[in-house]
N, C-alpha and C. Protein backbone atom coordinates (compact mmCIF):
# COMPACT_ATOMS: atom_id res chain seq x y z
N MET A 1 -20.23 70.32 -0.15
CA MET A 1 -20.29 68.92 -0.55
C MET A 1 -20.60 68.02 0.65
N LYS A 2 -19.94 68.28 1.77
CA LYS A 2 -20.20 67.50 2.97
C LYS A 2 -21.66 67.64 3.40
N LYS A 3 -22.19 68.84 3.24
CA LYS A 3 -23.58 69.09 3.62
C LYS A 3 -24.53 68.26 2.76
N LEU A 4 -24.27 68.20 1.46
CA LEU A 4 -25.10 67.43 0.54
C LEU A 4 -25.05 65.94 0.87
N ILE A 5 -23.86 65.43 1.12
CA ILE A 5 -23.71 64.01 1.46
C ILE A 5 -24.43 63.71 2.78
N SER A 6 -24.31 64.60 3.75
CA SER A 6 -24.98 64.41 5.04
C SER A 6 -26.49 64.38 4.85
N ILE A 7 -27.02 65.28 4.05
CA ILE A 7 -28.46 65.31 3.80
C ILE A 7 -28.91 64.03 3.11
N LEU A 8 -28.17 63.58 2.12
CA LEU A 8 -28.52 62.34 1.42
C LEU A 8 -28.47 61.13 2.35
N LEU A 9 -27.45 61.05 3.19
CA LEU A 9 -27.34 59.93 4.13
C LEU A 9 -28.47 59.94 5.14
N LEU A 10 -28.77 61.11 5.67
CA LEU A 10 -29.85 61.20 6.65
C LEU A 10 -31.20 60.87 6.03
N SER A 11 -31.45 61.35 4.83
CA SER A 11 -32.73 61.06 4.19
C SER A 11 -32.84 59.58 3.84
N SER A 12 -31.77 58.97 3.38
CA SER A 12 -31.84 57.54 3.08
C SER A 12 -31.96 56.72 4.36
N PHE A 13 -31.32 57.16 5.43
CA PHE A 13 -31.47 56.47 6.72
C PHE A 13 -32.92 56.56 7.20
N TYR A 14 -33.50 57.75 7.11
CA TYR A 14 -34.87 57.95 7.57
C TYR A 14 -35.85 57.15 6.72
N LEU A 15 -35.71 57.17 5.42
CA LEU A 15 -36.63 56.47 4.54
C LEU A 15 -36.40 54.97 4.53
N GLY A 16 -35.15 54.56 4.67
CA GLY A 16 -34.81 53.15 4.57
C GLY A 16 -35.11 52.34 5.80
N PHE A 17 -35.20 52.99 6.96
CA PHE A 17 -35.35 52.24 8.19
C PHE A 17 -36.67 52.53 8.91
N SER A 18 -37.62 53.08 8.21
CA SER A 18 -38.91 53.29 8.85
C SER A 18 -39.60 51.93 9.02
N HIS A 19 -40.42 51.79 10.04
CA HIS A 19 -41.10 50.52 10.28
C HIS A 19 -42.48 50.76 10.82
N ASP A 20 -43.29 49.73 10.76
CA ASP A 20 -44.66 49.79 11.23
C ASP A 20 -44.73 49.11 12.59
N ILE A 21 -45.19 49.84 13.59
CA ILE A 21 -45.32 49.27 14.92
C ILE A 21 -46.70 48.63 15.03
N LYS A 22 -46.74 47.38 15.37
CA LYS A 22 -48.00 46.64 15.51
C LYS A 22 -48.49 46.79 16.95
N MET A 23 -49.51 47.66 17.12
CA MET A 23 -49.96 47.95 18.47
C MET A 23 -51.40 48.43 18.45
N ALA A 24 -52.12 48.11 19.52
CA ALA A 24 -53.47 48.63 19.75
C ALA A 24 -53.53 49.12 21.19
N MET A 25 -54.34 50.16 21.41
CA MET A 25 -54.47 50.75 22.74
C MET A 25 -55.89 50.51 23.27
N PHE A 26 -55.98 50.01 24.48
CA PHE A 26 -57.25 49.77 25.15
C PHE A 26 -57.22 50.56 26.45
N GLU A 27 -58.20 51.44 26.64
CA GLU A 27 -58.22 52.25 27.85
C GLU A 27 -59.57 52.09 28.53
N ILE A 28 -59.53 51.77 29.82
CA ILE A 28 -60.74 51.62 30.63
C ILE A 28 -60.66 52.66 31.75
N TYR A 29 -61.74 53.40 31.92
CA TYR A 29 -61.70 54.51 32.88
C TYR A 29 -63.09 54.80 33.44
N ASP A 30 -63.09 55.49 34.58
CA ASP A 30 -64.35 55.96 35.18
C ASP A 30 -64.85 57.11 34.33
N GLY A 31 -66.02 56.92 33.72
CA GLY A 31 -66.60 57.97 32.88
C GLY A 31 -67.82 58.58 33.54
N LYS A 32 -68.49 59.42 32.80
CA LYS A 32 -69.67 60.11 33.32
C LYS A 32 -70.81 59.14 33.63
N SER A 33 -70.92 58.09 32.83
CA SER A 33 -72.02 57.15 33.01
C SER A 33 -71.54 55.76 33.42
N GLY A 34 -70.47 55.69 34.18
CA GLY A 34 -69.95 54.40 34.62
C GLY A 34 -68.59 54.11 33.99
N LEU A 35 -68.27 52.84 33.88
CA LEU A 35 -66.99 52.44 33.30
C LEU A 35 -67.06 52.53 31.78
N GLU A 36 -66.11 53.24 31.20
CA GLU A 36 -66.06 53.42 29.76
C GLU A 36 -64.77 52.82 29.20
N MET A 37 -64.80 52.56 27.91
CA MET A 37 -63.64 51.96 27.26
C MET A 37 -63.44 52.62 25.90
N THR A 38 -62.20 52.92 25.59
CA THR A 38 -61.85 53.36 24.24
C THR A 38 -60.79 52.41 23.70
N VAL A 39 -60.88 52.14 22.42
CA VAL A 39 -59.94 51.25 21.75
C VAL A 39 -59.44 51.99 20.51
N THR A 40 -58.14 52.03 20.34
CA THR A 40 -57.54 52.63 19.15
C THR A 40 -56.70 51.57 18.47
N VAL A 41 -57.01 51.29 17.21
CA VAL A 41 -56.30 50.26 16.45
C VAL A 41 -55.81 50.86 15.14
N ASP A 42 -54.75 50.28 14.61
CA ASP A 42 -54.27 50.64 13.29
C ASP A 42 -55.31 50.18 12.27
N LYS A 43 -55.70 51.09 11.40
CA LYS A 43 -56.79 50.78 10.45
C LYS A 43 -56.44 49.59 9.56
N GLU A 44 -55.26 49.61 8.98
CA GLU A 44 -54.86 48.53 8.06
C GLU A 44 -54.76 47.19 8.77
N ASP A 45 -54.16 47.19 9.96
CA ASP A 45 -54.03 45.95 10.73
C ASP A 45 -55.39 45.41 11.16
N PHE A 46 -56.27 46.32 11.57
CA PHE A 46 -57.60 45.88 12.03
C PHE A 46 -58.42 45.34 10.87
N TYR A 47 -58.34 45.98 9.70
CA TYR A 47 -59.01 45.43 8.52
C TYR A 47 -58.47 44.04 8.19
N SER A 48 -57.15 43.86 8.34
CA SER A 48 -56.56 42.53 8.09
C SER A 48 -57.09 41.50 9.07
N ALA A 49 -57.20 41.89 10.34
CA ALA A 49 -57.71 40.98 11.36
C ALA A 49 -59.17 40.62 11.09
N LEU A 50 -59.97 41.63 10.73
CA LEU A 50 -61.39 41.36 10.43
C LEU A 50 -61.53 40.49 9.19
N SER A 51 -60.71 40.75 8.18
CA SER A 51 -60.76 39.94 6.95
C SER A 51 -60.35 38.50 7.21
N GLU A 52 -59.40 38.33 8.11
CA GLU A 52 -58.95 36.98 8.47
C GLU A 52 -60.05 36.24 9.24
N GLU A 53 -60.69 36.95 10.15
CA GLU A 53 -61.73 36.35 10.99
C GLU A 53 -63.04 36.15 10.22
N TYR A 54 -63.38 37.10 9.37
CA TYR A 54 -64.62 37.08 8.60
C TYR A 54 -64.26 37.23 7.13
N PRO A 55 -63.98 36.13 6.45
CA PRO A 55 -63.45 36.19 5.08
C PRO A 55 -64.49 36.65 4.05
N ILE A 56 -64.89 37.87 4.18
CA ILE A 56 -65.80 38.50 3.23
C ILE A 56 -65.27 39.89 2.94
N LYS A 57 -65.77 40.50 1.92
CA LYS A 57 -65.37 41.87 1.63
C LYS A 57 -66.07 42.79 2.64
N ILE A 58 -65.27 43.55 3.36
CA ILE A 58 -65.80 44.39 4.43
C ILE A 58 -66.07 45.80 3.90
N GLN A 59 -67.29 46.24 4.12
CA GLN A 59 -67.67 47.61 3.79
C GLN A 59 -67.51 48.46 5.06
N GLU A 60 -67.14 49.72 4.88
CA GLU A 60 -66.90 50.58 6.04
C GLU A 60 -68.13 50.69 6.95
N HIS A 61 -69.33 50.67 6.38
CA HIS A 61 -70.53 50.79 7.21
C HIS A 61 -70.79 49.53 8.05
N GLU A 62 -70.10 48.42 7.75
CA GLU A 62 -70.26 47.18 8.51
C GLU A 62 -69.23 47.04 9.63
N ILE A 63 -68.27 47.94 9.67
CA ILE A 63 -67.16 47.81 10.60
C ILE A 63 -67.63 47.79 12.06
N ARG A 64 -68.59 48.61 12.41
CA ARG A 64 -69.02 48.70 13.81
C ARG A 64 -69.48 47.33 14.33
N ASP A 65 -70.36 46.66 13.60
CA ASP A 65 -70.86 45.35 14.06
C ASP A 65 -69.77 44.30 14.05
N LEU A 66 -68.94 44.28 13.00
CA LEU A 66 -67.85 43.31 12.94
C LEU A 66 -66.80 43.59 14.01
N ALA A 67 -66.52 44.86 14.24
CA ALA A 67 -65.54 45.23 15.27
C ALA A 67 -66.03 44.77 16.64
N PHE A 68 -67.31 45.01 16.92
CA PHE A 68 -67.88 44.58 18.20
C PHE A 68 -67.78 43.07 18.34
N GLU A 69 -68.16 42.35 17.30
CA GLU A 69 -68.12 40.89 17.34
C GLU A 69 -66.69 40.39 17.54
N TYR A 70 -65.74 41.00 16.82
CA TYR A 70 -64.33 40.60 16.95
C TYR A 70 -63.82 40.88 18.36
N LEU A 71 -64.05 42.09 18.86
CA LEU A 71 -63.56 42.44 20.19
C LEU A 71 -64.23 41.59 21.27
N GLU A 72 -65.51 41.33 21.11
CA GLU A 72 -66.23 40.51 22.09
C GLU A 72 -65.64 39.10 22.17
N SER A 73 -65.15 38.58 21.04
CA SER A 73 -64.57 37.24 21.02
C SER A 73 -63.11 37.23 21.48
N ARG A 74 -62.46 38.40 21.52
CA ARG A 74 -61.03 38.47 21.83
C ARG A 74 -60.68 39.15 23.15
N VAL A 75 -61.64 39.88 23.72
CA VAL A 75 -61.37 40.63 24.96
C VAL A 75 -62.35 40.18 26.04
N SER A 76 -61.81 39.84 27.19
CA SER A 76 -62.62 39.46 28.34
C SER A 76 -62.20 40.34 29.51
N ILE A 77 -63.18 40.94 30.18
CA ILE A 77 -62.90 41.83 31.30
C ILE A 77 -63.75 41.39 32.48
N LYS A 78 -63.09 41.21 33.62
CA LYS A 78 -63.79 40.92 34.87
C LYS A 78 -63.47 42.04 35.86
N VAL A 79 -64.49 42.52 36.53
CA VAL A 79 -64.31 43.53 37.57
C VAL A 79 -64.80 42.92 38.87
N ASN A 80 -63.91 42.85 39.85
CA ASN A 80 -64.22 42.22 41.15
C ASN A 80 -64.74 40.79 40.95
N GLY A 81 -64.22 40.11 39.96
CA GLY A 81 -64.60 38.72 39.69
C GLY A 81 -65.84 38.55 38.84
N ALA A 82 -66.56 39.63 38.57
CA ALA A 82 -67.78 39.54 37.76
C ALA A 82 -67.45 39.78 36.29
N CYS A 83 -67.88 38.86 35.43
CA CYS A 83 -67.67 39.03 34.00
C CYS A 83 -68.48 40.22 33.50
N THR A 84 -67.90 40.96 32.60
CA THR A 84 -68.61 42.11 32.03
C THR A 84 -68.68 41.97 30.53
N SER A 85 -69.66 42.60 29.97
CA SER A 85 -69.72 42.75 28.51
C SER A 85 -69.57 44.23 28.24
N PHE A 86 -69.44 44.59 27.00
CA PHE A 86 -69.31 45.99 26.66
C PHE A 86 -70.10 46.30 25.41
N SER A 87 -70.38 47.56 25.24
CA SER A 87 -71.11 48.05 24.07
C SER A 87 -70.26 49.10 23.38
N ILE A 88 -70.30 49.09 22.06
CA ILE A 88 -69.62 50.13 21.28
C ILE A 88 -70.67 51.14 20.87
N HIS A 89 -70.45 52.39 21.26
CA HIS A 89 -71.41 53.46 20.97
C HIS A 89 -70.99 54.33 19.79
N GLU A 90 -69.70 54.38 19.55
CA GLU A 90 -69.20 55.32 18.55
C GLU A 90 -67.95 54.75 17.89
N ILE A 91 -67.80 55.04 16.62
CA ILE A 91 -66.61 54.63 15.88
C ILE A 91 -66.18 55.79 15.00
N GLU A 92 -64.89 56.10 15.05
CA GLU A 92 -64.34 57.19 14.24
C GLU A 92 -63.22 56.62 13.38
N PHE A 93 -63.23 57.00 12.12
CA PHE A 93 -62.21 56.55 11.19
C PHE A 93 -61.22 57.69 10.94
N GLY A 94 -59.99 57.51 11.38
CA GLY A 94 -58.93 58.46 11.08
C GLY A 94 -58.22 58.02 9.82
N ASP A 95 -57.20 58.76 9.44
CA ASP A 95 -56.43 58.38 8.26
C ASP A 95 -55.71 57.05 8.47
N LEU A 96 -55.15 56.86 9.67
CA LEU A 96 -54.37 55.66 9.95
C LEU A 96 -54.99 54.77 11.02
N ASN A 97 -55.89 55.32 11.84
CA ASN A 97 -56.43 54.59 12.98
C ASN A 97 -57.94 54.53 12.96
N ILE A 98 -58.46 53.59 13.73
CA ILE A 98 -59.89 53.50 14.02
C ILE A 98 -60.02 53.66 15.53
N HIS A 99 -60.91 54.54 15.96
CA HIS A 99 -61.16 54.79 17.38
C HIS A 99 -62.57 54.29 17.71
N LEU A 100 -62.65 53.38 18.66
CA LEU A 100 -63.93 52.83 19.10
C LEU A 100 -64.18 53.30 20.53
N LYS A 101 -65.38 53.77 20.79
CA LYS A 101 -65.73 54.24 22.13
C LYS A 101 -66.95 53.48 22.60
N GLY A 102 -66.90 53.06 23.86
CA GLY A 102 -68.02 52.30 24.39
C GLY A 102 -68.03 52.30 25.90
N SER A 103 -68.84 51.42 26.44
CA SER A 103 -68.95 51.33 27.90
C SER A 103 -69.04 49.87 28.32
N LEU A 104 -68.62 49.64 29.56
CA LEU A 104 -68.76 48.31 30.14
C LEU A 104 -70.14 48.21 30.75
N ASN A 105 -70.79 47.09 30.56
CA ASN A 105 -72.16 46.90 31.05
C ASN A 105 -72.13 46.32 32.45
N LEU A 106 -71.67 47.16 33.39
CA LEU A 106 -71.54 46.73 34.77
C LEU A 106 -71.55 47.96 35.66
N GLU A 107 -72.32 47.91 36.71
CA GLU A 107 -72.30 48.98 37.70
C GLU A 107 -71.55 48.48 38.92
N VAL A 108 -70.54 49.23 39.32
CA VAL A 108 -69.74 48.84 40.48
C VAL A 108 -69.30 50.11 41.19
N ASP A 109 -69.37 50.07 42.51
CA ASP A 109 -69.00 51.24 43.30
C ASP A 109 -67.53 51.22 43.72
N ASN A 110 -67.05 50.07 44.13
CA ASN A 110 -65.70 49.96 44.67
C ASN A 110 -64.92 48.91 43.88
N ILE A 111 -64.06 49.36 43.00
CA ILE A 111 -63.27 48.44 42.18
C ILE A 111 -62.06 47.97 42.98
N GLN A 112 -61.97 46.66 43.18
CA GLN A 112 -60.85 46.09 43.91
C GLN A 112 -59.90 45.30 43.01
N LYS A 113 -60.48 44.69 41.95
CA LYS A 113 -59.65 43.86 41.07
C LYS A 113 -60.21 43.89 39.66
N VAL A 114 -59.31 44.03 38.68
CA VAL A 114 -59.69 43.98 37.27
C VAL A 114 -58.82 42.91 36.61
N THR A 115 -59.47 41.96 35.95
CA THR A 115 -58.77 40.90 35.23
C THR A 115 -59.10 41.04 33.76
N ILE A 116 -58.07 41.07 32.93
CA ILE A 116 -58.26 41.28 31.50
C ILE A 116 -57.55 40.19 30.72
N SER A 117 -58.26 39.64 29.74
CA SER A 117 -57.68 38.73 28.76
C SER A 117 -57.87 39.39 27.40
N ASN A 118 -56.80 39.46 26.62
CA ASN A 118 -56.85 40.19 25.35
C ASN A 118 -55.96 39.50 24.32
N THR A 119 -56.61 38.93 23.29
CA THR A 119 -55.86 38.25 22.22
C THR A 119 -56.05 38.93 20.86
N CYS A 120 -56.45 40.20 20.88
CA CYS A 120 -56.67 40.92 19.62
C CYS A 120 -55.39 40.98 18.79
N MET A 121 -55.46 40.47 17.63
CA MET A 121 -54.44 40.53 16.58
C MET A 121 -53.11 39.87 16.92
N VAL A 122 -52.98 39.25 18.10
CA VAL A 122 -51.70 38.63 18.45
C VAL A 122 -51.43 37.36 17.64
N ASP A 123 -52.48 36.72 17.15
CA ASP A 123 -52.28 35.53 16.33
C ASP A 123 -51.97 35.90 14.88
N LEU A 124 -52.32 37.09 14.48
CA LEU A 124 -52.11 37.53 13.11
C LEU A 124 -50.74 38.16 12.90
N PHE A 125 -50.29 38.92 13.89
CA PHE A 125 -49.00 39.61 13.80
C PHE A 125 -48.14 39.16 14.98
N GLU A 126 -47.01 38.55 14.67
CA GLU A 126 -46.15 37.99 15.71
C GLU A 126 -45.69 39.03 16.72
N ASP A 127 -45.40 40.24 16.26
CA ASP A 127 -44.85 41.26 17.14
C ASP A 127 -45.90 42.28 17.60
N HIS A 128 -47.16 41.89 17.57
CA HIS A 128 -48.24 42.81 17.96
C HIS A 128 -48.33 42.94 19.48
N ASP A 129 -48.53 44.18 19.95
CA ASP A 129 -48.73 44.46 21.36
C ASP A 129 -50.10 45.09 21.57
N ASN A 130 -50.74 44.72 22.64
CA ASN A 130 -51.97 45.38 23.10
C ASN A 130 -51.62 46.10 24.39
N ILE A 131 -51.69 47.41 24.35
CA ILE A 131 -51.41 48.21 25.53
C ILE A 131 -52.74 48.47 26.23
N VAL A 132 -52.84 48.05 27.48
CA VAL A 132 -54.05 48.25 28.26
C VAL A 132 -53.75 49.27 29.34
N LYS A 133 -54.54 50.33 29.35
CA LYS A 133 -54.37 51.38 30.35
C LYS A 133 -55.64 51.45 31.18
N LEU A 134 -55.47 51.37 32.49
CA LEU A 134 -56.59 51.45 33.42
C LEU A 134 -56.48 52.76 34.20
N ARG A 135 -57.51 53.58 34.12
CA ARG A 135 -57.58 54.82 34.92
C ARG A 135 -58.78 54.67 35.85
N LEU A 136 -58.53 54.02 36.99
CA LEU A 136 -59.59 53.67 37.92
C LEU A 136 -59.16 54.02 39.34
N ASN A 137 -60.11 54.38 40.18
CA ASN A 137 -59.83 54.68 41.59
C ASN A 137 -58.70 55.70 41.75
N ASP A 138 -58.66 56.70 40.90
CA ASP A 138 -57.63 57.75 40.95
C ASP A 138 -56.21 57.21 40.78
N ARG A 139 -56.07 56.10 40.08
CA ARG A 139 -54.75 55.51 39.78
C ARG A 139 -54.68 55.17 38.31
N ASN A 140 -53.50 55.31 37.75
CA ASN A 140 -53.23 54.92 36.37
C ASN A 140 -52.34 53.69 36.38
N ARG A 141 -52.76 52.66 35.66
CA ARG A 141 -51.98 51.43 35.52
C ARG A 141 -51.93 51.08 34.05
N SER A 142 -50.78 50.65 33.56
CA SER A 142 -50.63 50.27 32.16
C SER A 142 -49.99 48.89 32.08
N PHE A 143 -50.43 48.13 31.09
CA PHE A 143 -49.92 46.78 30.88
C PHE A 143 -49.66 46.55 29.40
N ARG A 144 -48.56 45.89 29.10
CA ARG A 144 -48.24 45.50 27.72
C ARG A 144 -48.58 44.03 27.58
N MET A 145 -49.53 43.76 26.69
CA MET A 145 -49.95 42.38 26.46
C MET A 145 -49.54 41.99 25.04
N HIS A 146 -49.20 40.73 24.86
CA HIS A 146 -48.71 40.25 23.57
C HIS A 146 -48.95 38.75 23.49
N ARG A 147 -48.38 38.14 22.50
CA ARG A 147 -48.61 36.71 22.25
C ARG A 147 -48.29 35.83 23.46
N ASP A 148 -47.24 36.18 24.20
CA ASP A 148 -46.84 35.38 25.35
C ASP A 148 -47.49 35.82 26.66
N ARG A 149 -48.16 36.96 26.63
CA ARG A 149 -48.87 37.46 27.82
C ARG A 149 -50.23 37.98 27.38
N THR A 150 -51.22 37.13 27.44
CA THR A 150 -52.54 37.50 26.94
C THR A 150 -53.51 37.86 28.06
N SER A 151 -53.09 37.73 29.31
CA SER A 151 -53.98 38.13 30.40
C SER A 151 -53.17 38.79 31.51
N THR A 152 -53.87 39.61 32.27
CA THR A 152 -53.25 40.29 33.39
C THR A 152 -54.30 40.64 34.42
N GLU A 153 -53.83 41.00 35.60
CA GLU A 153 -54.73 41.33 36.69
C GLU A 153 -54.18 42.56 37.43
N ALA A 154 -55.07 43.48 37.74
CA ALA A 154 -54.70 44.67 38.51
C ALA A 154 -55.49 44.67 39.81
N ILE A 155 -54.79 44.84 40.91
CA ILE A 155 -55.44 44.88 42.22
C ILE A 155 -55.35 46.31 42.72
N TYR A 156 -56.49 46.81 43.20
CA TYR A 156 -56.56 48.19 43.69
C TYR A 156 -56.75 48.23 45.19
């Protein structure tokens, strides 16, 4: 009897207290062809953000262009003080996530400073975090960005 009650309590605890973490991952790293970037977002949250920004019915084949436009308007990256743009080359749809892969349109030999501004989905979800991971110059740096911290700077 105790075993049955324990199982019921644990299952109700597990089912009753599950939650959705509002988070996106942005990773910038030295790739084969220069600086590359990958972005992983929650599919449902990102569709909500795109629908809010572009109030039309979104078809999956349109996501790449809309995602690029949205990210371009919400993410700013400077390397050594020079503004950069980025291109999205690939998009993968998982069951729960969307993975975007691209590159920064900048050639640089010696990275000394990276400045990032990122407001993706922070206006839509109060508790949303953007995790930015930099793998540059043989160092890993990570930053948690959110509504109250939308920009950061890394010095190498």
